[in-house]
């Protein structure tokens, strides 16, 4: 795994002017996937290298922790990374508050319509901290192929949960441009 990580890190450096973020990265401590503590430590080592690269290149990080909510937030804090997007966020209320205090952004795909727990979270997360995503071809509102055009479903759902207009959600959730400023810059050759 060391060779794989090192080769990717070299590519990050080589293409740094074209990168807008690092990720999707994170810790996956799903019990059937990670059976021994050494596997957790190895994931943390690799994530630490990715986070260090993000800091060095001044890039935000798209993070998706699986079965590692509390450990993930503690690790991100330890590593001192500020610009974090929490992909497909479905965490607990207590973890949400910690992440809000850290200034993280929360991203929701069309599958957000399937989870009542996430509806409760959306009510407590300020729009200024929410981004929309499709995560195509996964995470559709139903068990079907997801398409980029379905991002409107996530937008409509968030608007309904918050009791505001779809336009209001669209306007405020443009904050992805704040998190990913290089998206709006022309690519260098």
C-alpha atoms as a PDB file:
ATOM      1  CA  UNK A   1       0.000   0.000   0.000  1.00  0.00           C
ATOM      2  CA  UNK A   2       2.912   2.383   0.630  1.00  0.00           C
ATOM      3  CA  UNK A   3       3.866   2.413  -3.047  1.00  0.00           C
ATOM      4  CA  UNK A   4       0.267   3.165  -4.061  1.00  0.00           C
ATOM      5  CA  UNK A   5       0.019   6.059  -1.623  1.00  0.00           C
ATOM      6  CA  UNK A   6       3.375   7.500  -2.582  1.00  0.00           C
ATOM      7  CA  UNK A   7       2.560   7.368  -6.310  1.00  0.00           C
ATOM      8  CA  UNK A   8      -0.742   9.178  -5.735  1.00  0.00           C
ATOM      9  CA  UNK A   9       0.930  11.840  -3.603  1.00  0.00           C
ATOM     10  CA  UNK A  10       3.409  12.451  -6.414  1.00  0.00           C
ATOM     11  CA  UNK A  11       0.481  12.927  -8.810  1.00  0.00           C
ATOM     12  CA  UNK A  12      -1.082  15.444  -6.409  1.00  0.00           C
ATOM     13  CA  UNK A  13       2.112  17.462  -6.547  1.00  0.00           C
ATOM     14  CA  UNK A  14       2.436  17.140 -10.318  1.00  0.00           C
ATOM     15  CA  UNK A  15      -1.133  18.300 -10.997  1.00  0.00           C
ATOM     16  CA  UNK A  16      -1.523  20.707  -8.071  1.00  0.00           C
ATOM     17  CA  UNK A  17      -2.562  23.587 -10.348  1.00  0.00           C
ATOM     18  CA  UNK A  18      -5.474  21.536 -11.683  1.00  0.00           C
ATOM     19  CA  UNK A  19      -6.736  20.140  -8.376  1.00  0.00           C
ATOM     20  CA  UNK A  20      -9.670  21.751  -6.580  1.00  0.00           C
ATOM     21  CA  UNK A  21      -9.760  19.374  -3.575  1.00  0.00           C
ATOM     22  CA  UNK A  22      -8.402  16.185  -2.063  1.00  0.00           C
ATOM     23  CA  UNK A  23     -10.839  13.338  -1.662  1.00  0.00           C
ATOM     24  CA  UNK A  24     -13.076  11.524  -1.261  1.00  0.00           C
ATOM     25  CA  UNK A  25     -10.999  10.467   1.711  1.00  0.00           C
ATOM     26  CA  UNK A  26     -11.793   9.223   5.174  1.00  0.00           C
ATOM     27  CA  UNK A  27     -11.767   6.426   7.665  1.00  0.00           C
ATOM     28  CA  UNK A  28     -13.869   3.296   7.195  1.00  0.00           C
ATOM     29  CA  UNK A  29     -14.074   1.325  10.418  1.00  0.00           C
ATOM     30  CA  UNK A  30     -16.980  -0.855   9.294  1.00  0.00           C
ATOM     31  CA  UNK A  31     -16.547  -3.924  11.560  1.00  0.00           C
ATOM     32  CA  UNK A  32     -16.679  -6.572   8.830  1.00  0.00           C
ATOM     33  CA  UNK A  33     -14.123  -4.599   6.785  1.00  0.00           C
ATOM     34  CA  UNK A  34     -11.675  -3.691   9.550  1.00  0.00           C
ATOM     35  CA  UNK A  35     -11.098  -6.652  11.812  1.00  0.00           C
ATOM     36  CA  UNK A  36      -7.859  -5.714  13.582  1.00  0.00           C
ATOM     37  CA  UNK A  37      -6.603  -2.446  15.121  1.00  0.00           C
ATOM     38  CA  UNK A  38      -3.622  -2.382  12.747  1.00  0.00           C
ATOM     39  CA  UNK A  39      -5.997  -1.821   9.813  1.00  0.00           C
ATOM     40  CA  UNK A  40      -7.429   1.257  11.566  1.00  0.00           C
ATOM     41  CA  UNK A  41      -3.922   2.591  12.183  1.00  0.00           C
ATOM     42  CA  UNK A  42      -2.997   2.064   8.519  1.00  0.00           C
ATOM     43  CA  UNK A  43      -6.093   3.990   7.378  1.00  0.00           C
ATOM     44  CA  UNK A  44      -5.198   6.814   9.760  1.00  0.00           C
ATOM     45  CA  UNK A  45      -1.647   6.893   8.394  1.00  0.00           C
ATOM     46  CA  UNK A  46      -2.885   7.166   4.798  1.00  0.00           C
ATOM     47  CA  UNK A  47      -5.477   9.798   5.693  1.00  0.00           C
ATOM     48  CA  UNK A  48      -2.814  11.797   7.560  1.00  0.00           C
ATOM     49  CA  UNK A  49      -0.695  11.844   4.385  1.00  0.00           C
ATOM     50  CA  UNK A  50      -3.680  13.023   2.332  1.00  0.00           C
ATOM     51  CA  UNK A  51      -4.520  15.729   4.878  1.00  0.00           C
ATOM     52  CA  UNK A  52      -0.908  16.903   5.004  1.00  0.00           C
ATOM     53  CA  UNK A  53      -0.933  17.159   1.220  1.00  0.00           C
ATOM     54  CA  UNK A  54      -4.183  19.144   1.331  1.00  0.00           C
ATOM     55  CA  UNK A  55      -2.651  21.578   3.819  1.00  0.00           C
ATOM     56  CA  UNK A  56       0.559  21.853   1.791  1.00  0.00           C
ATOM     57  CA  UNK A  57      -1.380  22.555  -1.427  1.00  0.00           C
ATOM     58  CA  UNK A  58      -3.996  24.699   0.351  1.00  0.00           C
ATOM     59  CA  UNK A  59      -6.883  22.498  -0.818  1.00  0.00           C
ATOM     60  CA  UNK A  60     -10.137  21.538   0.877  1.00  0.00           C
ATOM     61  CA  UNK A  61     -10.835  17.889   1.673  1.00  0.00           C
ATOM     62  CA  UNK A  62     -13.944  15.870   0.786  1.00  0.00           C
ATOM     63  CA  UNK A  63     -14.341  13.456   3.717  1.00  0.00           C
ATOM     64  CA  UNK A  64     -16.592  10.416   4.082  1.00  0.00           C
ATOM     65  CA  UNK A  65     -16.067   8.593   7.367  1.00  0.00           C
ATOM     66  CA  UNK A  66     -17.865   5.244   7.621  1.00  0.00           C
ATOM     67  CA  UNK A  67     -18.512   3.848  11.094  1.00  0.00           C
ATOM     68  CA  UNK A  68     -15.869   6.279  12.325  1.00  0.00           C
ATOM     69  CA  UNK A  69     -17.774   9.463  13.175  1.00  0.00           C
ATOM     70  CA  UNK A  70     -16.220  10.380  16.512  1.00  0.00           C
ATOM     71  CA  UNK A  71     -12.797   9.003  15.622  1.00  0.00           C
ATOM     72  CA  UNK A  72     -12.937  10.846  12.301  1.00  0.00           C
ATOM     73  CA  UNK A  73     -13.716  14.240  13.811  1.00  0.00           C
ATOM     74  CA  UNK A  74     -11.047  13.799  16.477  1.00  0.00           C
ATOM     75  CA  UNK A  75      -8.513  12.830  13.803  1.00  0.00           C
ATOM     76  CA  UNK A  76      -9.381  15.821  11.586  1.00  0.00           C
ATOM     77  CA  UNK A  77      -9.002  18.136  14.578  1.00  0.00           C
ATOM     78  CA  UNK A  78      -5.638  16.571  15.486  1.00  0.00           C
ATOM     79  CA  UNK A  79      -4.405  17.074  11.946  1.00  0.00           C
ATOM     80  CA  UNK A  80      -5.534  20.718  11.939  1.00  0.00           C
ATOM     81  CA  UNK A  81      -7.428  20.657   8.656  1.00  0.00           C
ATOM     82  CA  UNK A  82      -9.965  23.475   8.319  1.00  0.00           C
ATOM     83  CA  UNK A  83     -11.685  23.255   4.938  1.00  0.00           C
ATOM     84  CA  UNK A  84     -13.733  20.068   5.161  1.00  0.00           C
ATOM     85  CA  UNK A  85     -16.757  18.875   3.204  1.00  0.00           C
ATOM     86  CA  UNK A  86     -18.560  15.980   4.876  1.00  0.00           C
ATOM     87  CA  UNK A  87     -19.820  13.903   1.965  1.00  0.00           C
ATOM     88  CA  UNK A  88     -23.214  12.157   2.260  1.00  0.00           C
ATOM     89  CA  UNK A  89     -23.502  13.164   5.880  1.00  0.00           C
ATOM     90  CA  UNK A  90     -25.742  10.954   8.038  1.00  0.00           C
ATOM     91  CA  UNK A  91     -24.150  11.369  11.467  1.00  0.00           C
ATOM     92  CA  UNK A  92     -25.639  11.811  14.907  1.00  0.00           C
ATOM     93  CA  UNK A  93     -26.833  15.125  16.298  1.00  0.00           C
ATOM     94  CA  UNK A  94     -23.967  15.360  18.816  1.00  0.00           C
ATOM     95  CA  UNK A  95     -21.370  14.780  16.090  1.00  0.00           C
ATOM     96  CA  UNK A  96     -23.144  17.328  13.886  1.00  0.00           C
ATOM     97  CA  UNK A  97     -22.774  20.016  16.537  1.00  0.00           C
ATOM     98  CA  UNK A  98     -19.052  19.285  16.907  1.00  0.00           C
ATOM     99  CA  UNK A  99     -18.578  19.548  13.165  1.00  0.00           C
ATOM    100  CA  UNK A 100     -20.582  22.770  12.931  1.00  0.00           C
ATOM    101  CA  UNK A 101     -18.357  24.285  15.599  1.00  0.00           C
ATOM    102  CA  UNK A 102     -15.310  23.228  13.585  1.00  0.00           C
ATOM    103  CA  UNK A 103     -16.704  25.101  10.553  1.00  0.00           C
ATOM    104  CA  UNK A 104     -17.216  22.059   8.341  1.00  0.00           C
ATOM    105  CA  UNK A 105     -19.645  21.878   5.433  1.00  0.00           C
ATOM    106  CA  UNK A 106     -22.275  19.143   5.144  1.00  0.00           C
ATOM    107  CA  UNK A 107     -23.182  17.655   1.792  1.00  0.00           C
ATOM    108  CA  UNK A 108     -26.445  15.903   0.941  1.00  0.00           C
ATOM    109  CA  UNK A 109     -27.283  13.821  -2.145  1.00  0.00           C
ATOM    110  CA  UNK A 110     -30.778  12.960  -3.466  1.00  0.00           C
ATOM    111  CA  UNK A 111     -30.795   9.905  -1.149  1.00  0.00           C
ATOM    112  CA  UNK A 112     -31.389  12.388   1.672  1.00  0.00           C
ATOM    113  CA  UNK A 113     -35.103  11.856   1.026  1.00  0.00           C
ATOM    114  CA  UNK A 114     -34.810   8.266   2.322  1.00  0.00           C
ATOM    115  CA  UNK A 115     -33.669   9.055   5.875  1.00  0.00           C
ATOM    116  CA  UNK A 116     -35.791  10.589   8.613  1.00  0.00           C
ATOM    117  CA  UNK A 117     -32.733  10.988  10.852  1.00  0.00           C
ATOM    118  CA  UNK A 118     -31.062  13.169   8.225  1.00  0.00           C
ATOM    119  CA  UNK A 119     -34.197  15.299   8.023  1.00  0.00           C
ATOM    120  CA  UNK A 120     -33.725  16.107  11.719  1.00  0.00           C
ATOM    121  CA  UNK A 121     -30.090  17.006  11.107  1.00  0.00           C
ATOM    122  CA  UNK A 122     -30.932  19.301   8.196  1.00  0.00           C
ATOM    123  CA  UNK A 123     -33.274  21.285  10.449  1.00  0.00           C
ATOM    124  CA  UNK A 124     -30.330  22.102  12.737  1.00  0.00           C
ATOM    125  CA  UNK A 125     -27.633  22.753  10.147  1.00  0.00           C
ATOM    126  CA  UNK A 126     -27.524  26.344   8.866  1.00  0.00           C
ATOM    127  CA  UNK A 127     -27.906  26.694   5.105  1.00  0.00           C
ATOM    128  CA  UNK A 128     -24.533  28.426   5.034  1.00  0.00           C
ATOM    129  CA  UNK A 129     -23.012  25.073   6.004  1.00  0.00           C
ATOM    130  CA  UNK A 130     -24.882  22.928   3.466  1.00  0.00           C
ATOM    131  CA  UNK A 131     -23.791  21.854   0.003  1.00  0.00           C
ATOM    132  CA  UNK A 132     -25.667  19.750  -2.537  1.00  0.00           C
ATOM    133  CA  UNK A 133     -24.256  16.745  -4.378  1.00  0.00           C
ATOM    134  CA  UNK A 134     -25.417  14.013  -6.712  1.00  0.00           C
ATOM    135  CA  UNK A 135     -22.777  11.330  -6.110  1.00  0.00           C
ATOM    136  CA  UNK A 136     -23.853   9.761  -9.400  1.00  0.00           C
ATOM    137  CA  UNK A 137     -24.446   6.946 -10.114  1.00  0.00           C
ATOM    138  CA  UNK A 138     -25.045   6.123  -6.426  1.00  0.00           C
ATOM    139  CA  UNK A 139     -27.262   7.618  -3.729  1.00  0.00           C
ATOM    140  CA  UNK A 140     -30.432   8.213  -5.726  1.00  0.00           C
ATOM    141  CA  UNK A 141     -33.683   8.957  -3.904  1.00  0.00           C
ATOM    142  CA  UNK A 142     -34.857   5.417  -4.731  1.00  0.00           C
ATOM    143  CA  UNK A 143     -33.037   2.198  -5.542  1.00  0.00           C
ATOM    144  CA  UNK A 144     -32.141   3.306  -9.054  1.00  0.00           C
ATOM    145  CA  UNK A 145     -29.285   4.847 -10.958  1.00  0.00           C
ATOM    146  CA  UNK A 146     -28.603   8.392  -9.868  1.00  0.00           C
ATOM    147  CA  UNK A 147     -28.064  11.140 -12.457  1.00  0.00           C
ATOM    148  CA  UNK A 148     -26.705  14.700 -12.015  1.00  0.00           C
ATOM    149  CA  UNK A 149     -30.113  16.208 -12.818  1.00  0.00           C
ATOM    150  CA  UNK A 150     -31.477  14.645  -9.614  1.00  0.00           C
ATOM    151  CA  UNK A 151     -29.586  17.163  -7.515  1.00  0.00           C
ATOM    152  CA  UNK A 152     -32.795  19.204  -7.650  1.00  0.00           C
ATOM    153  CA  UNK A 153     -34.441  16.469  -5.527  1.00  0.00           C
ATOM    154  CA  UNK A 154     -31.961  17.112  -2.708  1.00  0.00           C
ATOM    155  CA  UNK A 155     -32.525  20.847  -3.093  1.00  0.00           C
ATOM    156  CA  UNK A 156     -36.313  20.486  -2.999  1.00  0.00           C
ATOM    157  CA  UNK A 157     -36.121  18.212   0.040  1.00  0.00           C
ATOM    158  CA  UNK A 158     -33.905  20.598   1.993  1.00  0.00           C
ATOM    159  CA  UNK A 159     -36.228  23.478   1.095  1.00  0.00           C
ATOM    160  CA  UNK A 160     -39.248  21.529   2.346  1.00  0.00           C
ATOM    161  CA  UNK A 161     -37.525  20.504   5.591  1.00  0.00           C
ATOM    162  CA  UNK A 162     -36.410  24.077   6.278  1.00  0.00           C
ATOM    163  CA  UNK A 163     -39.679  25.638   5.115  1.00  0.00           C
ATOM    164  CA  UNK A 164     -38.048  27.924   2.558  1.00  0.00           C
ATOM    165  CA  UNK A 165     -38.095  28.259  -1.204  1.00  0.00           C
ATOM    166  CA  UNK A 166     -36.006  26.123  -3.538  1.00  0.00           C
ATOM    167  CA  UNK A 167     -34.485  29.341  -4.824  1.00  0.00           C
ATOM    168  CA  UNK A 168     -33.434  30.212  -1.276  1.00  0.00           C
ATOM    169  CA  UNK A 169     -31.636  26.880  -0.925  1.00  0.00           C
ATOM    170  CA  UNK A 170     -29.965  27.317  -4.316  1.00  0.00           C
ATOM    171  CA  UNK A 171     -28.770  30.814  -3.489  1.00  0.00           C
ATOM    172  CA  UNK A 172     -27.318  29.996  -0.099  1.00  0.00           C
ATOM    173  CA  UNK A 173     -25.860  26.624  -1.011  1.00  0.00           C
ATOM    174  CA  UNK A 174     -23.655  28.250  -3.623  1.00  0.00           C
ATOM    175  CA  UNK A 175     -21.213  28.271  -0.732  1.00  0.00           C
ATOM    176  CA  UNK A 176     -19.521  25.330  -2.445  1.00  0.00           C
ATOM    177  CA  UNK A 177     -17.800  28.102  -4.410  1.00  0.00           C
ATOM    178  CA  UNK A 178     -16.420  29.397  -1.123  1.00  0.00           C
ATOM    179  CA  UNK A 179     -15.131  25.984  -0.115  1.00  0.00           C
ATOM    180  CA  UNK A 180     -13.817  25.154  -3.596  1.00  0.00           C
ATOM    181  CA  UNK A 181     -12.592  28.522  -4.960  1.00  0.00           C
ATOM    182  CA  UNK A 182     -10.508  26.902  -7.698  1.00  0.00           C
ATOM    183  CA  UNK A 183     -13.677  25.594  -9.361  1.00  0.00           C
ATOM    184  CA  UNK A 184     -14.316  29.109 -10.620  1.00  0.00           C
ATOM    185  CA  UNK A 185     -10.783  29.591 -11.962  1.00  0.00           C
ATOM    186  CA  UNK A 186      -9.729  28.622 -15.478  1.00  0.00           C
ATOM    187  CA  UNK A 187      -7.579  25.506 -15.625  1.00  0.00           C
ATOM    188  CA  UNK A 188      -3.952  25.981 -16.494  1.00  0.00           C
ATOM    189  CA  UNK A 189      -2.532  23.861 -19.294  1.00  0.00           C
END
